[in-house]
């Protein structure tokens, strides 16, 4: 693949989808990979927009055919990224953004080590619970069991943060979009090898704030909120 592969992961309810949608309004040449899943559509989701919704049998046939770059079984449903998305983006000379979970990130990084991984976190457990409850209402799935399960899963997923290059705490949307844009553009500038303007150096400085090594204190605070 000639372009840059970006991986973005987040616990359910962290606002990742909104960030990605906003990012794509401002950054050109960035394709978004639509994953395959065996779960049923939720709310207003449409086939081919949020996911490709297929049967378990179809998914397992794709596994046997070696068609997935990565896949995982999450709560009894398969999720996966087709190999073909890499080829399509490369042919068009575009970068590619994968929206995948922590299991998928490990699989992709193992195969493509120079992929850029970004982990989106909620500012606290309290804020995540509030977002999950709002989502449950919109999806008409008012289940305490589902919310508790997602919170427990979020805590376990956040513990995987050391595997990621960048950590983005999604507190205020506009600021988070700016930081995500800075990460994407900074990686392009680094790999271009060209001399950078003052404005371009600002993107690098903005991205550096989100490097994992510069986020350790905030991450520990978020993890502590899940233990309290």
C-alpha atoms as a PDB file:
ATOM      1  CA  UNK A   1       0.000   0.000   0.000  1.00  0.00           C
ATOM      2  CA  UNK A   2       1.422   3.372  -1.028  1.00  0.00           C
ATOM      3  CA  UNK A   3      -0.734   5.582   1.243  1.00  0.00           C
ATOM      4  CA  UNK A   4      -0.891   5.855   5.022  1.00  0.00           C
ATOM      5  CA  UNK A   5      -3.057   3.455   6.973  1.00  0.00           C
ATOM      6  CA  UNK A   6      -4.724   5.015  10.011  1.00  0.00           C
ATOM      7  CA  UNK A   7      -6.372   2.866  12.679  1.00  0.00           C
ATOM      8  CA  UNK A   8      -8.896   4.443  15.032  1.00  0.00           C
ATOM      9  CA  UNK A   9     -10.344   2.547  17.995  1.00  0.00           C
ATOM     10  CA  UNK A  10     -12.531   3.517  20.938  1.00  0.00           C
ATOM     11  CA  UNK A  11     -14.836   2.061  23.572  1.00  0.00           C
ATOM     12  CA  UNK A  12     -18.489   2.124  22.552  1.00  0.00           C
ATOM     13  CA  UNK A  13     -19.985   5.546  23.276  1.00  0.00           C
ATOM     14  CA  UNK A  14     -16.729   7.516  23.073  1.00  0.00           C
ATOM     15  CA  UNK A  15     -17.919   9.538  20.075  1.00  0.00           C
ATOM     16  CA  UNK A  16     -15.555   7.987  17.553  1.00  0.00           C
ATOM     17  CA  UNK A  17     -18.047   7.898  14.671  1.00  0.00           C
ATOM     18  CA  UNK A  18     -18.848  11.597  15.065  1.00  0.00           C
ATOM     19  CA  UNK A  19     -15.129  12.445  15.097  1.00  0.00           C
ATOM     20  CA  UNK A  20     -14.498  10.427  11.942  1.00  0.00           C
ATOM     21  CA  UNK A  21     -17.437  12.020  10.133  1.00  0.00           C
ATOM     22  CA  UNK A  22     -16.197  15.507  11.043  1.00  0.00           C
ATOM     23  CA  UNK A  23     -12.604  14.669  10.094  1.00  0.00           C
ATOM     24  CA  UNK A  24     -13.622  13.576   6.618  1.00  0.00           C
ATOM     25  CA  UNK A  25     -15.230  16.977   5.999  1.00  0.00           C
ATOM     26  CA  UNK A  26     -11.858  18.696   6.422  1.00  0.00           C
ATOM     27  CA  UNK A  27      -9.286  16.181   5.159  1.00  0.00           C
ATOM     28  CA  UNK A  28      -9.250  15.145   1.506  1.00  0.00           C
ATOM     29  CA  UNK A  29      -7.656  11.997   0.092  1.00  0.00           C
ATOM     30  CA  UNK A  30      -8.763   9.953   3.093  1.00  0.00           C
ATOM     31  CA  UNK A  31     -10.935   6.919   2.451  1.00  0.00           C
ATOM     32  CA  UNK A  32     -12.998   5.281   5.176  1.00  0.00           C
ATOM     33  CA  UNK A  33     -13.237   1.527   5.348  1.00  0.00           C
ATOM     34  CA  UNK A  34     -16.729   0.146   5.924  1.00  0.00           C
ATOM     35  CA  UNK A  35     -16.522  -3.029   7.982  1.00  0.00           C
ATOM     36  CA  UNK A  36     -18.540  -6.222   7.616  1.00  0.00           C
ATOM     37  CA  UNK A  37     -20.635  -7.495  10.510  1.00  0.00           C
ATOM     38  CA  UNK A  38     -23.080 -10.269  11.307  1.00  0.00           C
ATOM     39  CA  UNK A  39     -25.059  -8.219  13.821  1.00  0.00           C
ATOM     40  CA  UNK A  40     -28.392  -6.646  12.944  1.00  0.00           C
ATOM     41  CA  UNK A  41     -28.617  -2.933  12.040  1.00  0.00           C
ATOM     42  CA  UNK A  42     -29.351  -0.554  14.919  1.00  0.00           C
ATOM     43  CA  UNK A  43     -31.540   2.519  14.787  1.00  0.00           C
ATOM     44  CA  UNK A  44     -31.121   4.335  11.463  1.00  0.00           C
ATOM     45  CA  UNK A  45     -28.085   2.314  10.302  1.00  0.00           C
ATOM     46  CA  UNK A  46     -28.088   1.372   6.621  1.00  0.00           C
ATOM     47  CA  UNK A  47     -26.318  -1.408   4.782  1.00  0.00           C
ATOM     48  CA  UNK A  48     -23.228  -0.064   3.039  1.00  0.00           C
ATOM     49  CA  UNK A  49     -23.141   3.131   5.098  1.00  0.00           C
ATOM     50  CA  UNK A  50     -22.221   2.182   8.684  1.00  0.00           C
ATOM     51  CA  UNK A  51     -21.516  -1.501   7.937  1.00  0.00           C
ATOM     52  CA  UNK A  52     -22.058  -4.220   5.390  1.00  0.00           C
ATOM     53  CA  UNK A  53     -24.575  -6.431   7.187  1.00  0.00           C
ATOM     54  CA  UNK A  54     -24.166 -10.069   6.168  1.00  0.00           C
ATOM     55  CA  UNK A  55     -25.087 -13.478   7.549  1.00  0.00           C
ATOM     56  CA  UNK A  56     -22.784 -15.519   9.782  1.00  0.00           C
ATOM     57  CA  UNK A  57     -22.477 -18.113   7.010  1.00  0.00           C
ATOM     58  CA  UNK A  58     -21.379 -15.459   4.495  1.00  0.00           C
ATOM     59  CA  UNK A  59     -18.848 -14.072   6.959  1.00  0.00           C
ATOM     60  CA  UNK A  60     -17.352 -17.490   7.673  1.00  0.00           C
ATOM     61  CA  UNK A  61     -17.082 -18.163   3.943  1.00  0.00           C
ATOM     62  CA  UNK A  62     -15.081 -14.934   3.624  1.00  0.00           C
ATOM     63  CA  UNK A  63     -12.823 -16.064   6.489  1.00  0.00           C
ATOM     64  CA  UNK A  64     -12.177 -19.383   4.716  1.00  0.00           C
ATOM     65  CA  UNK A  65     -11.398 -17.487   1.531  1.00  0.00           C
ATOM     66  CA  UNK A  66      -8.791 -15.312   3.293  1.00  0.00           C
ATOM     67  CA  UNK A  67     -10.708 -12.161   2.427  1.00  0.00           C
ATOM     68  CA  UNK A  68     -10.223 -10.327   5.729  1.00  0.00           C
ATOM     69  CA  UNK A  69      -7.373  -8.068   6.791  1.00  0.00           C
ATOM     70  CA  UNK A  70      -8.652  -8.487  10.345  1.00  0.00           C
ATOM     71  CA  UNK A  71     -11.746  -9.821  12.056  1.00  0.00           C
ATOM     72  CA  UNK A  72     -13.027 -10.556  15.540  1.00  0.00           C
ATOM     73  CA  UNK A  73     -15.963 -12.112  17.354  1.00  0.00           C
ATOM     74  CA  UNK A  74     -17.451  -9.498  19.707  1.00  0.00           C
ATOM     75  CA  UNK A  75     -20.359 -10.541  21.947  1.00  0.00           C
ATOM     76  CA  UNK A  76     -21.284 -13.312  19.532  1.00  0.00           C
ATOM     77  CA  UNK A  77     -21.161 -11.195  16.360  1.00  0.00           C
ATOM     78  CA  UNK A  78     -18.376 -11.061  13.790  1.00  0.00           C
ATOM     79  CA  UNK A  79     -16.800  -7.779  12.680  1.00  0.00           C
ATOM     80  CA  UNK A  80     -14.141  -7.585   9.988  1.00  0.00           C
ATOM     81  CA  UNK A  81     -12.260  -5.476   7.440  1.00  0.00           C
ATOM     82  CA  UNK A  82     -11.882  -6.785   3.893  1.00  0.00           C
ATOM     83  CA  UNK A  83      -8.405  -6.977   2.356  1.00  0.00           C
ATOM     84  CA  UNK A  84      -9.754  -5.327  -0.784  1.00  0.00           C
ATOM     85  CA  UNK A  85     -10.111  -1.905   0.886  1.00  0.00           C
ATOM     86  CA  UNK A  86      -6.314  -1.551   0.986  1.00  0.00           C
ATOM     87  CA  UNK A  87      -6.028  -2.276  -2.725  1.00  0.00           C
ATOM     88  CA  UNK A  88      -8.837   0.127  -3.655  1.00  0.00           C
ATOM     89  CA  UNK A  89      -7.340   3.015  -1.649  1.00  0.00           C
ATOM     90  CA  UNK A  90      -3.849   2.366  -3.051  1.00  0.00           C
ATOM     91  CA  UNK A  91      -5.129   2.402  -6.637  1.00  0.00           C
ATOM     92  CA  UNK A  92      -6.685   5.805  -6.049  1.00  0.00           C
ATOM     93  CA  UNK A  93      -3.600   7.140  -4.266  1.00  0.00           C
ATOM     94  CA  UNK A  94      -5.505   7.781  -1.053  1.00  0.00           C
ATOM     95  CA  UNK A  95      -4.833   7.171   2.622  1.00  0.00           C
ATOM     96  CA  UNK A  96      -7.144   4.756   4.427  1.00  0.00           C
ATOM     97  CA  UNK A  97      -8.858   5.012   7.808  1.00  0.00           C
ATOM     98  CA  UNK A  98      -9.895   1.819   9.602  1.00  0.00           C
ATOM     99  CA  UNK A  99     -12.476   1.973  12.393  1.00  0.00           C
ATOM    100  CA  UNK A 100     -11.695  -1.225  14.316  1.00  0.00           C
ATOM    101  CA  UNK A 101     -11.516  -2.506  17.896  1.00  0.00           C
ATOM    102  CA  UNK A 102      -8.471  -3.337  20.009  1.00  0.00           C
ATOM    103  CA  UNK A 103      -8.375  -6.929  18.719  1.00  0.00           C
ATOM    104  CA  UNK A 104      -8.341  -5.738  15.125  1.00  0.00           C
ATOM    105  CA  UNK A 105      -5.666  -3.145  15.856  1.00  0.00           C
ATOM    106  CA  UNK A 106      -3.288  -5.860  17.061  1.00  0.00           C
ATOM    107  CA  UNK A 107      -3.934  -7.945  13.943  1.00  0.00           C
ATOM    108  CA  UNK A 108      -3.383  -5.037  11.549  1.00  0.00           C
ATOM    109  CA  UNK A 109      -0.299  -3.712  13.342  1.00  0.00           C
ATOM    110  CA  UNK A 110       1.167  -7.211  13.189  1.00  0.00           C
ATOM    111  CA  UNK A 111       0.778  -7.210   9.414  1.00  0.00           C
ATOM    112  CA  UNK A 112       1.377  -3.498   8.711  1.00  0.00           C
ATOM    113  CA  UNK A 113       3.740  -2.162  11.433  1.00  0.00           C
ATOM    114  CA  UNK A 114       3.897   1.388  10.057  1.00  0.00           C
ATOM    115  CA  UNK A 115       0.127   1.862  10.379  1.00  0.00           C
ATOM    116  CA  UNK A 116      -0.732   4.841  12.601  1.00  0.00           C
ATOM    117  CA  UNK A 117      -2.960   3.861  15.527  1.00  0.00           C
ATOM    118  CA  UNK A 118      -5.191   6.317  17.402  1.00  0.00           C
ATOM    119  CA  UNK A 119      -7.168   5.457  20.538  1.00  0.00           C
ATOM    120  CA  UNK A 120     -10.156   7.681  21.370  1.00  0.00           C
ATOM    121  CA  UNK A 121     -11.129   7.771  25.050  1.00  0.00           C
ATOM    122  CA  UNK A 122     -14.025   9.284  26.982  1.00  0.00           C
ATOM    123  CA  UNK A 123     -13.002  11.883  29.592  1.00  0.00           C
ATOM    124  CA  UNK A 124     -14.340   9.709  32.438  1.00  0.00           C
ATOM    125  CA  UNK A 125     -16.518   6.734  33.287  1.00  0.00           C
ATOM    126  CA  UNK A 126     -19.341   9.083  34.336  1.00  0.00           C
ATOM    127  CA  UNK A 127     -19.328  10.844  30.973  1.00  0.00           C
ATOM    128  CA  UNK A 128     -19.199   7.544  29.090  1.00  0.00           C
ATOM    129  CA  UNK A 129     -22.174   6.190  31.038  1.00  0.00           C
ATOM    130  CA  UNK A 130     -24.144   9.341  30.206  1.00  0.00           C
ATOM    131  CA  UNK A 131     -23.360   8.957  26.496  1.00  0.00           C
ATOM    132  CA  UNK A 132     -24.256   5.258  26.545  1.00  0.00           C
ATOM    133  CA  UNK A 133     -27.621   5.990  28.134  1.00  0.00           C
ATOM    134  CA  UNK A 134     -28.392   8.603  25.471  1.00  0.00           C
ATOM    135  CA  UNK A 135     -27.406   6.131  22.758  1.00  0.00           C
ATOM    136  CA  UNK A 136     -29.585   3.420  24.287  1.00  0.00           C
ATOM    137  CA  UNK A 137     -32.573   5.756  24.149  1.00  0.00           C
ATOM    138  CA  UNK A 138     -31.928   6.597  20.485  1.00  0.00           C
ATOM    139  CA  UNK A 139     -31.490   2.894  19.642  1.00  0.00           C
ATOM    140  CA  UNK A 140     -34.556   2.009  21.749  1.00  0.00           C
ATOM    141  CA  UNK A 141     -32.472  -0.490  23.706  1.00  0.00           C
ATOM    142  CA  UNK A 142     -33.189   0.543  27.294  1.00  0.00           C
ATOM    143  CA  UNK A 143     -31.252  -2.216  29.025  1.00  0.00           C
ATOM    144  CA  UNK A 144     -29.186  -1.790  32.181  1.00  0.00           C
ATOM    145  CA  UNK A 145     -27.427  -5.059  31.374  1.00  0.00           C
ATOM    146  CA  UNK A 146     -26.255  -3.734  27.996  1.00  0.00           C
ATOM    147  CA  UNK A 147     -24.996  -0.473  29.535  1.00  0.00           C
ATOM    148  CA  UNK A 148     -23.122  -2.276  32.321  1.00  0.00           C
ATOM    149  CA  UNK A 149     -21.586  -4.679  29.843  1.00  0.00           C
ATOM    150  CA  UNK A 150     -20.395  -1.835  27.626  1.00  0.00           C
ATOM    151  CA  UNK A 151     -18.900  -0.006  30.613  1.00  0.00           C
ATOM    152  CA  UNK A 152     -17.061  -3.124  31.725  1.00  0.00           C
ATOM    153  CA  UNK A 153     -15.822  -3.725  28.192  1.00  0.00           C
ATOM    154  CA  UNK A 154     -14.686  -0.086  27.953  1.00  0.00           C
ATOM    155  CA  UNK A 155     -12.514  -0.471  31.045  1.00  0.00           C
ATOM    156  CA  UNK A 156     -10.871  -3.581  29.586  1.00  0.00           C
ATOM    157  CA  UNK A 157     -10.355  -1.902  26.216  1.00  0.00           C
ATOM    158  CA  UNK A 158      -8.770   1.209  27.751  1.00  0.00           C
ATOM    159  CA  UNK A 159      -6.160  -1.026  29.381  1.00  0.00           C
ATOM    160  CA  UNK A 160      -4.891  -1.693  25.836  1.00  0.00           C
ATOM    161  CA  UNK A 161      -3.835   1.938  25.368  1.00  0.00           C
ATOM    162  CA  UNK A 162      -0.079   1.095  25.422  1.00  0.00           C
ATOM    163  CA  UNK A 163      -0.531  -0.550  21.996  1.00  0.00           C
ATOM    164  CA  UNK A 164      -1.465   2.765  20.355  1.00  0.00           C
ATOM    165  CA  UNK A 165       0.641   5.596  18.952  1.00  0.00           C
ATOM    166  CA  UNK A 166      -1.744   8.427  19.814  1.00  0.00           C
ATOM    167  CA  UNK A 167      -4.350   8.938  22.547  1.00  0.00           C
ATOM    168  CA  UNK A 168      -7.210  11.373  21.959  1.00  0.00           C
ATOM    169  CA  UNK A 169      -9.529  12.221  24.868  1.00  0.00           C
ATOM    170  CA  UNK A 170     -12.853  13.215  23.330  1.00  0.00           C
ATOM    171  CA  UNK A 171     -14.084  15.858  25.762  1.00  0.00           C
ATOM    172  CA  UNK A 172     -15.044  18.810  23.555  1.00  0.00           C
ATOM    173  CA  UNK A 173     -15.943  17.863  19.977  1.00  0.00           C
ATOM    174  CA  UNK A 174     -14.428  20.819  18.114  1.00  0.00           C
ATOM    175  CA  UNK A 175     -11.114  20.533  19.937  1.00  0.00           C
ATOM    176  CA  UNK A 176     -11.040  16.760  19.446  1.00  0.00           C
ATOM    177  CA  UNK A 177     -11.653  17.110  15.706  1.00  0.00           C
ATOM    178  CA  UNK A 178      -8.790  19.619  15.499  1.00  0.00           C
ATOM    179  CA  UNK A 179      -6.458  17.208  17.291  1.00  0.00           C
ATOM    180  CA  UNK A 180      -7.472  14.284  15.102  1.00  0.00           C
ATOM    181  CA  UNK A 181      -6.924  16.396  11.990  1.00  0.00           C
ATOM    182  CA  UNK A 182      -3.490  17.433  13.309  1.00  0.00           C
ATOM    183  CA  UNK A 183      -2.492  13.780  13.783  1.00  0.00           C
ATOM    184  CA  UNK A 184      -3.539  12.803  10.259  1.00  0.00           C
ATOM    185  CA  UNK A 185      -1.882  15.794   8.586  1.00  0.00           C
ATOM    186  CA  UNK A 186       1.267  15.552  10.727  1.00  0.00           C
ATOM    187  CA  UNK A 187       1.819  11.972   9.595  1.00  0.00           C
ATOM    188  CA  UNK A 188       1.448  13.024   5.968  1.00  0.00           C
ATOM    189  CA  UNK A 189       3.963  15.838   6.460  1.00  0.00           C
ATOM    190  CA  UNK A 190       6.470  13.578   8.223  1.00  0.00           C
ATOM    191  CA  UNK A 191       6.371  11.023   5.428  1.00  0.00           C
ATOM    192  CA  UNK A 192       6.538  13.608   2.651  1.00  0.00           C
ATOM    193  CA  UNK A 193      10.173  14.433   3.504  1.00  0.00           C
ATOM    194  CA  UNK A 194       9.751  18.019   2.319  1.00  0.00           C
ATOM    195  CA  UNK A 195      10.771  21.192   4.216  1.00  0.00           C
ATOM    196  CA  UNK A 196       7.898  22.375   6.405  1.00  0.00           C
ATOM    197  CA  UNK A 197       6.335  25.817   6.607  1.00  0.00           C
ATOM    198  CA  UNK A 198       5.518  27.510   9.904  1.00  0.00           C
ATOM    199  CA  UNK A 199       1.851  26.520   9.544  1.00  0.00           C
ATOM    200  CA  UNK A 200       2.794  22.914   8.828  1.00  0.00           C
ATOM    201  CA  UNK A 201       5.017  22.772  11.892  1.00  0.00           C
ATOM    202  CA  UNK A 202       1.983  23.754  13.944  1.00  0.00           C
ATOM    203  CA  UNK A 203       0.273  20.532  12.852  1.00  0.00           C
ATOM    204  CA  UNK A 204       3.283  18.563  14.085  1.00  0.00           C
ATOM    205  CA  UNK A 205       3.222  20.390  17.412  1.00  0.00           C
ATOM    206  CA  UNK A 206      -0.505  19.757  17.752  1.00  0.00           C
ATOM    207  CA  UNK A 207      -0.101  16.058  17.018  1.00  0.00           C
ATOM    208  CA  UNK A 208       2.738  15.674  19.509  1.00  0.00           C
ATOM    209  CA  UNK A 209       0.398  16.701  22.328  1.00  0.00           C
ATOM    210  CA  UNK A 210      -1.589  13.522  21.660  1.00  0.00           C
ATOM    211  CA  UNK A 211       1.370  11.150  21.542  1.00  0.00           C
ATOM    212  CA  UNK A 212       0.914   8.331  24.047  1.00  0.00           C
ATOM    213  CA  UNK A 213       4.004   9.386  26.009  1.00  0.00           C
ATOM    214  CA  UNK A 214       2.473  12.842  26.560  1.00  0.00           C
ATOM    215  CA  UNK A 215      -0.931  11.520  27.662  1.00  0.00           C
ATOM    216  CA  UNK A 216       0.052   9.111  30.444  1.00  0.00           C
ATOM    217  CA  UNK A 217      -1.194  11.311  33.295  1.00  0.00           C
ATOM    218  CA  UNK A 218      -4.614  11.881  31.735  1.00  0.00           C
ATOM    219  CA  UNK A 219      -4.970   8.206  30.859  1.00  0.00           C
ATOM    220  CA  UNK A 220      -4.241   7.157  34.447  1.00  0.00           C
ATOM    221  CA  UNK A 221      -6.919   9.584  35.652  1.00  0.00           C
ATOM    222  CA  UNK A 222      -9.476   8.095  33.238  1.00  0.00           C
ATOM    223  CA  UNK A 223      -8.610   4.543  34.254  1.00  0.00           C
ATOM    224  CA  UNK A 224      -8.938   5.526  37.915  1.00  0.00           C
ATOM    225  CA  UNK A 225     -12.472   6.784  37.251  1.00  0.00           C
ATOM    226  CA  UNK A 226     -13.431   3.254  36.168  1.00  0.00           C
ATOM    227  CA  UNK A 227     -12.112   1.817  39.437  1.00  0.00           C
ATOM    228  CA  UNK A 228     -13.848   4.231  41.772  1.00  0.00           C
END
